[in-house]
Each structure stands twice: as C-alpha cells, then as structure tokens.
C-alpha cells in the first residue's frame, strides 16, 4: 500500500488522464521503481475542501460513485516522476470500463458523478452526457469539466 498527501489533482474530462501530485511516505518512495508507464494501477483517493457557510471540512473529490464512500478505480500509468519525496502520477482510463469520480461542492448538497472511461461510452468528449446533444457544443472554449450526473449502465 502506498500513501501520498495530494497537493494537486486534475481531471480534464471523461476520456482524459487524471493527474495526481503529492508528497509520498518514505516507504512509498521505495515503491517508485515498480511504477512503469503502461502498467495497470488501482487507487483510492479523496480530496477535502472547507465549506465556509457550514464551517465544516468535507470530502470534495473521491474515487468511486458512492459518496462519501471511497472506492477503487483502475487505470494505466501514462507517466510517473519523482522529485525527492514528491510524486507526479498521470493515469489514463481503461478503455473497456466506465468508472466514476464523485465531486461535492458543499456539505449540504451531496455529490455529482463524473464518468471516466472509453470514448465510445460518451456522446460528448467534454462531459459524461451519453447522447449527442450536449450543452458543451455551444460553448466557445472547451470546459475542463461539465458536471452531469448520468450513469451509463
């Protein structure tokens, strides 16, 4: 088991890679040589944010569709870089599996799911809309993420 304190997490869209940056434990530094591009990797993660209106910390982003429960997601390593004890890991989605990442904006309103998986599962390259009709198409610049809760079962 590896452990990192994330300093950066980036999700660019349902078919794109996910970026993790963070400080890793001394034990995890020893695992670094085993992390190779194109190797499969299964992870669990969670980020936190502070809700000023509720005066409370909450889970902002987490792996899996069952907020607030953290579930594993699996991808393939695109790149990995170690600088001292800081790790940068970029993971591509599996092409045969739709997975989910949950995101909450506040304590009060719960979460919305982002899809992560093969392009053939989504009608739009910018959101998790399963149909060809999508709000993204009318935007001038591609959004980093458009949130739309829709399971593709």
N, C-alpha and C. Protein backbone atom coordinates (compact mmCIF):
# COMPACT_ATOMS: atom_id res chain seq x y z
N UNK A 1 0.84 -1.17 0.00
CA UNK A 1 0.00 0.00 0.00
C UNK A 1 0.89 1.24 0.00
N UNK A 2 0.54 2.19 -0.84
CA UNK A 2 1.28 3.45 -0.92
C UNK A 2 0.41 4.57 -0.36
N UNK A 3 1.05 5.60 0.14
CA UNK A 3 0.33 6.72 0.72
C UNK A 3 0.94 8.02 0.22
N UNK A 4 0.07 8.97 -0.14
CA UNK A 4 0.52 10.29 -0.57
C UNK A 4 -0.44 11.34 0.00
N UNK A 5 0.09 12.51 0.29
CA UNK A 5 -0.72 13.66 0.64
C UNK A 5 -0.76 14.51 -0.63
N UNK A 6 -1.94 14.57 -1.25
CA UNK A 6 -2.06 15.24 -2.53
C UNK A 6 -1.95 16.75 -2.41
N UNK A 7 -1.16 17.34 -3.29
CA UNK A 7 -1.09 18.79 -3.39
C UNK A 7 -1.82 19.26 -4.64
N UNK A 8 -2.06 18.35 -5.58
CA UNK A 8 -2.74 18.70 -6.81
C UNK A 8 -3.45 17.48 -7.38
N UNK A 9 -4.67 17.70 -7.86
CA UNK A 9 -5.48 16.68 -8.53
C UNK A 9 -6.15 17.37 -9.71
N UNK A 10 -6.02 16.79 -10.91
CA UNK A 10 -6.67 17.38 -12.08
C UNK A 10 -7.39 16.32 -12.88
N UNK A 11 -8.64 16.59 -13.17
CA UNK A 11 -9.49 15.76 -14.01
C UNK A 11 -9.90 16.64 -15.19
N UNK A 12 -9.54 16.25 -16.41
CA UNK A 12 -9.77 17.10 -17.57
C UNK A 12 -11.01 16.72 -18.36
N UNK A 13 -11.53 15.52 -18.17
CA UNK A 13 -12.71 15.07 -18.89
C UNK A 13 -12.83 13.57 -18.82
N UNK A 14 -13.96 13.04 -19.28
CA UNK A 14 -14.25 11.62 -19.08
C UNK A 14 -13.34 10.65 -19.80
N UNK A 15 -12.68 11.09 -20.85
CA UNK A 15 -11.80 10.18 -21.59
C UNK A 15 -10.33 10.54 -21.42
N UNK A 16 -10.05 11.53 -20.60
CA UNK A 16 -8.69 12.06 -20.44
C UNK A 16 -8.01 11.48 -19.19
N UNK A 17 -6.71 11.67 -19.14
CA UNK A 17 -5.92 11.21 -18.00
C UNK A 17 -6.24 12.03 -16.75
N UNK A 18 -5.95 11.45 -15.60
CA UNK A 18 -6.06 12.14 -14.31
C UNK A 18 -4.64 12.37 -13.81
N UNK A 19 -4.38 13.56 -13.28
CA UNK A 19 -3.07 13.93 -12.75
C UNK A 19 -3.13 14.00 -11.23
N UNK A 20 -2.18 13.35 -10.59
CA UNK A 20 -2.01 13.43 -9.14
C UNK A 20 -0.60 13.93 -8.86
N UNK A 21 -0.48 14.89 -7.94
CA UNK A 21 0.82 15.32 -7.44
C UNK A 21 0.73 15.35 -5.94
N UNK A 22 1.81 14.90 -5.29
CA UNK A 22 1.78 14.93 -3.84
C UNK A 22 3.04 14.41 -3.20
N UNK A 23 3.11 14.63 -1.90
CA UNK A 23 4.23 14.17 -1.08
C UNK A 23 3.94 12.74 -0.65
N UNK A 24 4.90 11.86 -0.84
CA UNK A 24 4.72 10.45 -0.52
C UNK A 24 5.52 10.06 0.71
N UNK A 25 5.09 9.00 1.34
CA UNK A 25 5.77 8.50 2.53
C UNK A 25 7.12 7.90 2.14
N UNK A 26 8.07 7.79 3.08
CA UNK A 26 9.36 7.17 2.78
C UNK A 26 9.21 5.74 2.24
N UNK A 27 8.24 5.00 2.75
CA UNK A 27 8.01 3.64 2.26
C UNK A 27 7.55 3.65 0.80
N UNK A 28 6.71 4.63 0.43
CA UNK A 28 6.23 4.73 -0.94
C UNK A 28 7.36 5.10 -1.90
N UNK A 29 8.32 5.91 -1.45
CA UNK A 29 9.47 6.25 -2.29
C UNK A 29 10.17 4.97 -2.76
N UNK A 30 10.22 3.97 -1.89
CA UNK A 30 10.87 2.71 -2.25
C UNK A 30 10.08 1.94 -3.32
N UNK A 31 8.78 2.20 -3.44
CA UNK A 31 7.94 1.54 -4.45
C UNK A 31 8.07 2.18 -5.83
N UNK A 32 8.62 3.38 -5.90
CA UNK A 32 8.69 4.14 -7.15
C UNK A 32 9.27 3.35 -8.32
N UNK A 33 10.36 2.60 -8.16
CA UNK A 33 10.91 1.87 -9.31
C UNK A 33 9.93 0.87 -9.94
N UNK A 34 8.92 0.44 -9.21
CA UNK A 34 7.94 -0.50 -9.76
C UNK A 34 6.85 0.17 -10.58
N UNK A 35 6.74 1.50 -10.52
CA UNK A 35 5.73 2.23 -11.27
C UNK A 35 6.26 2.51 -12.68
N UNK A 36 5.72 1.83 -13.66
CA UNK A 36 6.19 1.94 -15.04
C UNK A 36 5.05 2.37 -15.96
N UNK A 37 5.35 3.18 -16.98
CA UNK A 37 4.32 3.53 -17.96
C UNK A 37 3.69 2.28 -18.57
N UNK A 38 2.38 2.37 -18.78
CA UNK A 38 1.54 1.33 -19.35
C UNK A 38 1.20 0.21 -18.37
N UNK A 39 1.70 0.27 -17.14
CA UNK A 39 1.32 -0.72 -16.13
C UNK A 39 -0.06 -0.35 -15.57
N UNK A 40 -0.87 -1.34 -15.25
CA UNK A 40 -2.15 -1.03 -14.59
C UNK A 40 -1.90 -0.59 -13.14
N UNK A 41 -2.79 0.27 -12.66
CA UNK A 41 -2.69 0.73 -11.28
C UNK A 41 -4.10 0.91 -10.73
N UNK A 42 -4.31 0.46 -9.51
CA UNK A 42 -5.60 0.62 -8.83
C UNK A 42 -5.37 1.53 -7.63
N UNK A 43 -6.21 2.56 -7.54
CA UNK A 43 -6.03 3.55 -6.47
C UNK A 43 -7.36 3.91 -5.83
N UNK A 44 -7.27 4.47 -4.64
CA UNK A 44 -8.38 5.13 -3.95
C UNK A 44 -7.86 6.51 -3.59
N UNK A 45 -8.70 7.52 -3.70
CA UNK A 45 -8.25 8.85 -3.31
C UNK A 45 -9.42 9.69 -2.84
N UNK A 46 -9.07 10.74 -2.12
CA UNK A 46 -10.05 11.69 -1.64
C UNK A 46 -9.35 13.04 -1.45
N UNK A 47 -10.02 14.10 -1.84
CA UNK A 47 -9.54 15.45 -1.54
C UNK A 47 -10.57 16.12 -0.63
N UNK A 48 -10.15 17.15 0.09
CA UNK A 48 -11.03 17.82 1.03
C UNK A 48 -11.09 19.31 0.73
N UNK A 49 -12.19 19.93 1.15
CA UNK A 49 -12.37 21.37 0.99
C UNK A 49 -13.12 21.87 2.22
N UNK A 50 -13.08 23.18 2.41
CA UNK A 50 -13.76 23.78 3.56
C UNK A 50 -14.99 24.52 3.09
N UNK A 51 -16.13 24.21 3.67
CA UNK A 51 -17.40 24.88 3.37
C UNK A 51 -17.55 26.01 4.40
N UNK A 52 -17.34 27.24 3.94
CA UNK A 52 -17.39 28.38 4.86
C UNK A 52 -18.79 28.61 5.42
N UNK A 53 -19.82 28.37 4.61
CA UNK A 53 -21.19 28.57 5.08
C UNK A 53 -21.53 27.60 6.21
N UNK A 54 -21.05 26.37 6.10
CA UNK A 54 -21.33 25.35 7.13
C UNK A 54 -20.24 25.29 8.20
N UNK A 55 -19.15 26.03 8.00
CA UNK A 55 -17.99 26.00 8.90
C UNK A 55 -17.53 24.57 9.16
N UNK A 56 -17.32 23.84 8.05
CA UNK A 56 -17.01 22.43 8.17
C UNK A 56 -16.16 21.95 6.98
N UNK A 57 -15.23 21.04 7.27
CA UNK A 57 -14.47 20.37 6.22
C UNK A 57 -15.31 19.24 5.65
N UNK A 58 -15.16 18.96 4.35
CA UNK A 58 -15.89 17.87 3.72
C UNK A 58 -15.06 17.26 2.60
N UNK A 59 -15.45 16.03 2.21
CA UNK A 59 -14.78 15.39 1.08
C UNK A 59 -15.24 16.07 -0.20
N UNK A 60 -14.31 16.61 -0.95
CA UNK A 60 -14.63 17.33 -2.18
C UNK A 60 -14.66 16.38 -3.38
N UNK A 61 -13.59 15.63 -3.57
CA UNK A 61 -13.47 14.73 -4.72
C UNK A 61 -13.03 13.37 -4.20
N UNK A 62 -13.63 12.31 -4.71
CA UNK A 62 -13.20 10.98 -4.30
C UNK A 62 -13.44 9.97 -5.40
N UNK A 63 -12.68 8.89 -5.32
CA UNK A 63 -12.81 7.83 -6.31
C UNK A 63 -14.05 7.00 -6.01
N UNK A 64 -14.80 6.70 -7.07
CA UNK A 64 -15.98 5.87 -6.95
C UNK A 64 -17.27 6.65 -6.97
N UNK A 65 -18.39 5.96 -7.23
CA UNK A 65 -19.68 6.62 -7.38
C UNK A 65 -20.52 6.69 -6.12
N UNK A 66 -20.01 6.24 -4.99
CA UNK A 66 -20.85 6.11 -3.80
C UNK A 66 -20.43 7.08 -2.70
N UNK A 67 -20.56 8.37 -2.96
CA UNK A 67 -20.21 9.40 -2.00
C UNK A 67 -20.97 9.17 -0.71
N UNK A 68 -20.36 9.22 0.47
CA UNK A 68 -18.98 9.55 0.75
C UNK A 68 -18.06 8.34 0.84
N UNK A 69 -18.46 7.20 0.35
CA UNK A 69 -17.59 6.02 0.41
C UNK A 69 -16.54 6.04 -0.68
N UNK A 70 -15.30 5.79 -0.34
CA UNK A 70 -14.21 5.79 -1.31
C UNK A 70 -14.09 4.39 -1.90
N UNK A 71 -14.11 4.30 -3.22
CA UNK A 71 -13.98 3.02 -3.92
C UNK A 71 -12.75 3.07 -4.82
N UNK A 72 -12.26 1.91 -5.19
CA UNK A 72 -11.09 1.83 -6.07
C UNK A 72 -11.48 2.17 -7.51
N UNK A 73 -10.53 2.80 -8.21
CA UNK A 73 -10.62 2.94 -9.66
C UNK A 73 -9.31 2.41 -10.23
N UNK A 74 -9.37 1.94 -11.46
CA UNK A 74 -8.19 1.35 -12.10
C UNK A 74 -7.93 2.05 -13.42
N UNK A 75 -6.66 2.29 -13.68
CA UNK A 75 -6.24 2.89 -14.95
C UNK A 75 -4.87 2.36 -15.32
N UNK A 76 -4.29 2.98 -16.34
CA UNK A 76 -2.93 2.62 -16.73
C UNK A 76 -2.03 3.84 -16.54
N UNK A 77 -0.84 3.59 -16.08
CA UNK A 77 0.11 4.67 -15.84
C UNK A 77 0.57 5.24 -17.18
N UNK A 78 0.38 6.54 -17.37
CA UNK A 78 0.92 7.22 -18.55
C UNK A 78 2.33 7.70 -18.27
N UNK A 79 2.49 8.33 -17.10
CA UNK A 79 3.83 8.80 -16.73
C UNK A 79 3.91 8.89 -15.21
N UNK A 80 5.14 8.79 -14.74
CA UNK A 80 5.40 8.91 -13.31
C UNK A 80 6.75 9.58 -13.14
N UNK A 81 6.80 10.53 -12.22
CA UNK A 81 8.04 11.28 -11.99
C UNK A 81 8.19 11.51 -10.51
N UNK A 82 9.39 11.34 -10.02
CA UNK A 82 9.69 11.52 -8.61
C UNK A 82 10.75 12.60 -8.47
N UNK A 83 10.48 13.59 -7.64
CA UNK A 83 11.45 14.64 -7.34
C UNK A 83 11.54 14.69 -5.82
N UNK A 84 12.62 14.09 -5.27
CA UNK A 84 12.73 13.96 -3.82
C UNK A 84 11.63 13.04 -3.34
N UNK A 85 10.76 13.55 -2.46
CA UNK A 85 9.61 12.77 -1.99
C UNK A 85 8.31 13.22 -2.63
N UNK A 86 8.40 14.03 -3.67
CA UNK A 86 7.20 14.48 -4.38
C UNK A 86 6.99 13.62 -5.62
N UNK A 87 5.78 13.09 -5.76
CA UNK A 87 5.43 12.20 -6.86
C UNK A 87 4.44 12.89 -7.78
N UNK A 88 4.66 12.75 -9.09
CA UNK A 88 3.68 13.17 -10.09
C UNK A 88 3.27 11.93 -10.86
N UNK A 89 1.98 11.61 -10.84
CA UNK A 89 1.47 10.40 -11.46
C UNK A 89 0.33 10.77 -12.39
N UNK A 90 0.41 10.34 -13.65
CA UNK A 90 -0.64 10.57 -14.63
C UNK A 90 -1.20 9.22 -15.03
N UNK A 91 -2.53 9.08 -14.90
CA UNK A 91 -3.19 7.79 -15.14
C UNK A 91 -4.24 7.95 -16.22
N UNK A 92 -4.20 7.06 -17.22
CA UNK A 92 -5.21 7.02 -18.28
C UNK A 92 -6.33 6.07 -17.88
N UNK A 93 -7.57 6.35 -18.35
CA UNK A 93 -8.67 5.43 -18.05
C UNK A 93 -8.53 4.13 -18.83
N UNK A 94 -9.09 3.07 -18.31
CA UNK A 94 -9.14 1.81 -19.05
C UNK A 94 -10.13 1.98 -20.20
N UNK A 95 -9.83 1.37 -21.33
CA UNK A 95 -10.69 1.54 -22.50
C UNK A 95 -11.88 0.59 -22.52
N UNK A 96 -11.96 -0.32 -21.58
CA UNK A 96 -13.07 -1.26 -21.56
C UNK A 96 -13.99 -1.10 -20.36
N UNK A 97 -13.82 -0.02 -19.58
CA UNK A 97 -14.56 0.10 -18.33
C UNK A 97 -14.92 1.56 -18.04
N UNK A 98 -16.20 1.83 -17.79
CA UNK A 98 -16.63 3.15 -17.34
C UNK A 98 -16.59 3.14 -15.82
N UNK A 99 -15.87 4.11 -15.24
CA UNK A 99 -15.76 4.24 -13.79
C UNK A 99 -16.22 5.65 -13.43
N UNK A 100 -16.31 5.92 -12.14
CA UNK A 100 -16.84 7.21 -11.71
C UNK A 100 -15.99 7.85 -10.63
N UNK A 101 -16.01 9.18 -10.65
CA UNK A 101 -15.37 10.00 -9.64
C UNK A 101 -16.47 10.91 -9.10
N UNK A 102 -16.61 11.00 -7.80
CA UNK A 102 -17.66 11.81 -7.18
C UNK A 102 -17.09 13.14 -6.73
N UNK A 103 -17.88 14.20 -6.92
CA UNK A 103 -17.45 15.55 -6.55
C UNK A 103 -18.60 16.25 -5.82
N UNK A 104 -18.28 16.86 -4.69
CA UNK A 104 -19.25 17.64 -3.93
C UNK A 104 -18.79 19.09 -3.87
N UNK A 105 -19.71 20.03 -4.03
CA UNK A 105 -19.36 21.45 -3.96
C UNK A 105 -19.52 22.02 -2.55
N UNK A 106 -20.43 21.44 -1.78
CA UNK A 106 -20.66 21.90 -0.41
C UNK A 106 -21.04 20.71 0.46
N UNK A 107 -21.09 20.94 1.74
CA UNK A 107 -21.52 19.89 2.68
C UNK A 107 -22.99 19.55 2.43
N UNK A 108 -23.79 20.54 2.15
CA UNK A 108 -25.25 20.40 2.10
C UNK A 108 -25.78 19.62 0.90
N UNK A 109 -25.18 19.79 -0.27
CA UNK A 109 -25.82 19.30 -1.49
C UNK A 109 -25.35 17.95 -2.00
N UNK A 110 -24.49 17.25 -1.30
CA UNK A 110 -24.07 15.92 -1.75
C UNK A 110 -23.15 16.00 -2.96
N UNK A 111 -23.15 14.94 -3.77
CA UNK A 111 -22.16 14.86 -4.84
C UNK A 111 -22.79 14.68 -6.21
N UNK A 112 -21.98 14.90 -7.22
CA UNK A 112 -22.29 14.64 -8.62
C UNK A 112 -21.20 13.73 -9.14
N UNK A 113 -21.56 12.81 -10.03
CA UNK A 113 -20.60 11.86 -10.55
C UNK A 113 -20.03 12.31 -11.89
N UNK A 114 -18.72 12.12 -12.05
CA UNK A 114 -18.05 12.32 -13.32
C UNK A 114 -17.78 10.92 -13.88
N UNK A 115 -18.03 10.72 -15.14
CA UNK A 115 -17.65 9.46 -15.77
C UNK A 115 -16.18 9.49 -16.14
N UNK A 116 -15.56 8.33 -16.21
CA UNK A 116 -14.15 8.20 -16.60
C UNK A 116 -14.02 6.87 -17.32
N UNK A 117 -13.70 6.90 -18.60
CA UNK A 117 -13.61 5.65 -19.33
C UNK A 117 -13.50 5.82 -20.83
N UNK A 118 -13.92 4.80 -21.60
CA UNK A 118 -13.74 4.80 -23.05
C UNK A 118 -14.61 5.84 -23.76
N UNK A 119 -14.07 6.44 -24.82
CA UNK A 119 -14.77 7.48 -25.57
C UNK A 119 -16.09 6.99 -26.13
N UNK A 120 -16.19 5.72 -26.48
CA UNK A 120 -17.41 5.19 -27.07
C UNK A 120 -18.58 5.21 -26.09
N UNK A 121 -18.32 5.41 -24.81
CA UNK A 121 -19.38 5.45 -23.80
C UNK A 121 -20.02 6.82 -23.66
N UNK A 122 -19.42 7.85 -24.25
CA UNK A 122 -19.90 9.20 -24.08
C UNK A 122 -20.20 9.84 -25.43
N UNK A 123 -21.30 10.59 -25.53
CA UNK A 123 -21.65 11.28 -26.76
C UNK A 123 -20.87 12.56 -26.93
N UNK A 124 -20.27 13.05 -25.86
CA UNK A 124 -19.52 14.31 -25.89
C UNK A 124 -18.14 14.07 -25.28
N UNK A 125 -17.14 14.66 -25.88
CA UNK A 125 -15.77 14.48 -25.38
C UNK A 125 -15.49 15.32 -24.14
N UNK A 126 -16.40 16.21 -23.77
CA UNK A 126 -16.15 17.11 -22.64
C UNK A 126 -16.99 16.82 -21.41
N UNK A 127 -17.99 15.98 -21.53
CA UNK A 127 -18.83 15.70 -20.37
C UNK A 127 -19.28 14.25 -20.40
N UNK A 128 -20.03 13.87 -19.42
CA UNK A 128 -20.45 12.48 -19.34
C UNK A 128 -21.85 12.28 -19.91
N UNK A 129 -22.26 13.17 -20.80
CA UNK A 129 -23.56 13.04 -21.43
C UNK A 129 -23.52 11.87 -22.42
N UNK A 130 -24.43 10.95 -22.31
CA UNK A 130 -24.42 9.76 -23.16
C UNK A 130 -25.07 9.99 -24.52
N UNK A 131 -25.61 11.17 -24.76
CA UNK A 131 -26.26 11.43 -26.04
C UNK A 131 -25.44 12.44 -26.83
N UNK A 132 -25.76 12.59 -28.09
CA UNK A 132 -25.05 13.55 -28.94
C UNK A 132 -25.42 14.99 -28.60
N UNK A 133 -26.58 15.20 -27.99
CA UNK A 133 -27.00 16.54 -27.63
C UNK A 133 -26.39 16.92 -26.28
N UNK A 134 -25.66 18.03 -26.28
CA UNK A 134 -24.92 18.37 -25.08
C UNK A 134 -24.71 19.88 -25.02
N UNK A 135 -24.76 20.44 -23.82
CA UNK A 135 -24.52 21.88 -23.64
C UNK A 135 -23.10 22.28 -24.02
N UNK A 136 -22.15 21.37 -23.94
CA UNK A 136 -20.75 21.68 -24.24
C UNK A 136 -20.57 22.19 -25.66
N UNK A 137 -21.36 21.68 -26.59
CA UNK A 137 -21.18 22.02 -28.00
C UNK A 137 -21.44 23.50 -28.28
N UNK A 138 -22.19 24.17 -27.42
CA UNK A 138 -22.49 25.58 -27.65
C UNK A 138 -21.51 26.51 -26.95
N UNK A 139 -20.54 25.96 -26.24
CA UNK A 139 -19.56 26.79 -25.55
C UNK A 139 -18.42 27.17 -26.49
N UNK A 140 -17.90 28.39 -26.34
CA UNK A 140 -16.81 28.86 -27.19
C UNK A 140 -15.51 28.11 -26.92
N UNK A 141 -15.22 27.86 -25.65
CA UNK A 141 -13.99 27.16 -25.31
C UNK A 141 -14.35 25.87 -24.59
N UNK A 142 -13.62 24.80 -24.86
CA UNK A 142 -13.94 23.54 -24.19
C UNK A 142 -13.78 23.68 -22.69
N UNK A 143 -14.76 23.25 -21.93
CA UNK A 143 -14.66 23.33 -20.48
C UNK A 143 -13.71 22.26 -19.96
N UNK A 144 -13.13 22.52 -18.80
CA UNK A 144 -12.32 21.48 -18.17
C UNK A 144 -13.22 20.31 -17.83
N UNK A 145 -14.36 20.60 -17.26
CA UNK A 145 -15.33 19.55 -16.93
C UNK A 145 -16.72 20.16 -16.89
N UNK A 146 -17.67 19.49 -17.49
CA UNK A 146 -19.07 19.84 -17.32
C UNK A 146 -19.68 18.74 -16.46
N UNK A 147 -20.30 19.12 -15.39
CA UNK A 147 -20.87 18.12 -14.49
C UNK A 147 -22.25 17.72 -14.95
N UNK A 148 -22.42 16.44 -15.17
CA UNK A 148 -23.75 15.92 -15.48
C UNK A 148 -23.86 14.55 -14.87
N UNK A 149 -24.83 14.38 -13.99
CA UNK A 149 -24.99 13.09 -13.34
C UNK A 149 -25.78 12.18 -14.28
N UNK A 150 -25.13 11.17 -14.77
CA UNK A 150 -25.80 10.19 -15.62
C UNK A 150 -25.00 8.90 -15.61
N UNK A 151 -25.61 7.83 -15.15
CA UNK A 151 -24.95 6.53 -15.15
C UNK A 151 -25.17 5.89 -16.50
N UNK A 152 -24.16 5.21 -16.97
CA UNK A 152 -24.23 4.53 -18.25
C UNK A 152 -24.21 3.03 -18.02
N UNK A 153 -25.32 2.47 -17.61
CA UNK A 153 -25.38 1.03 -17.32
C UNK A 153 -25.81 0.24 -18.54
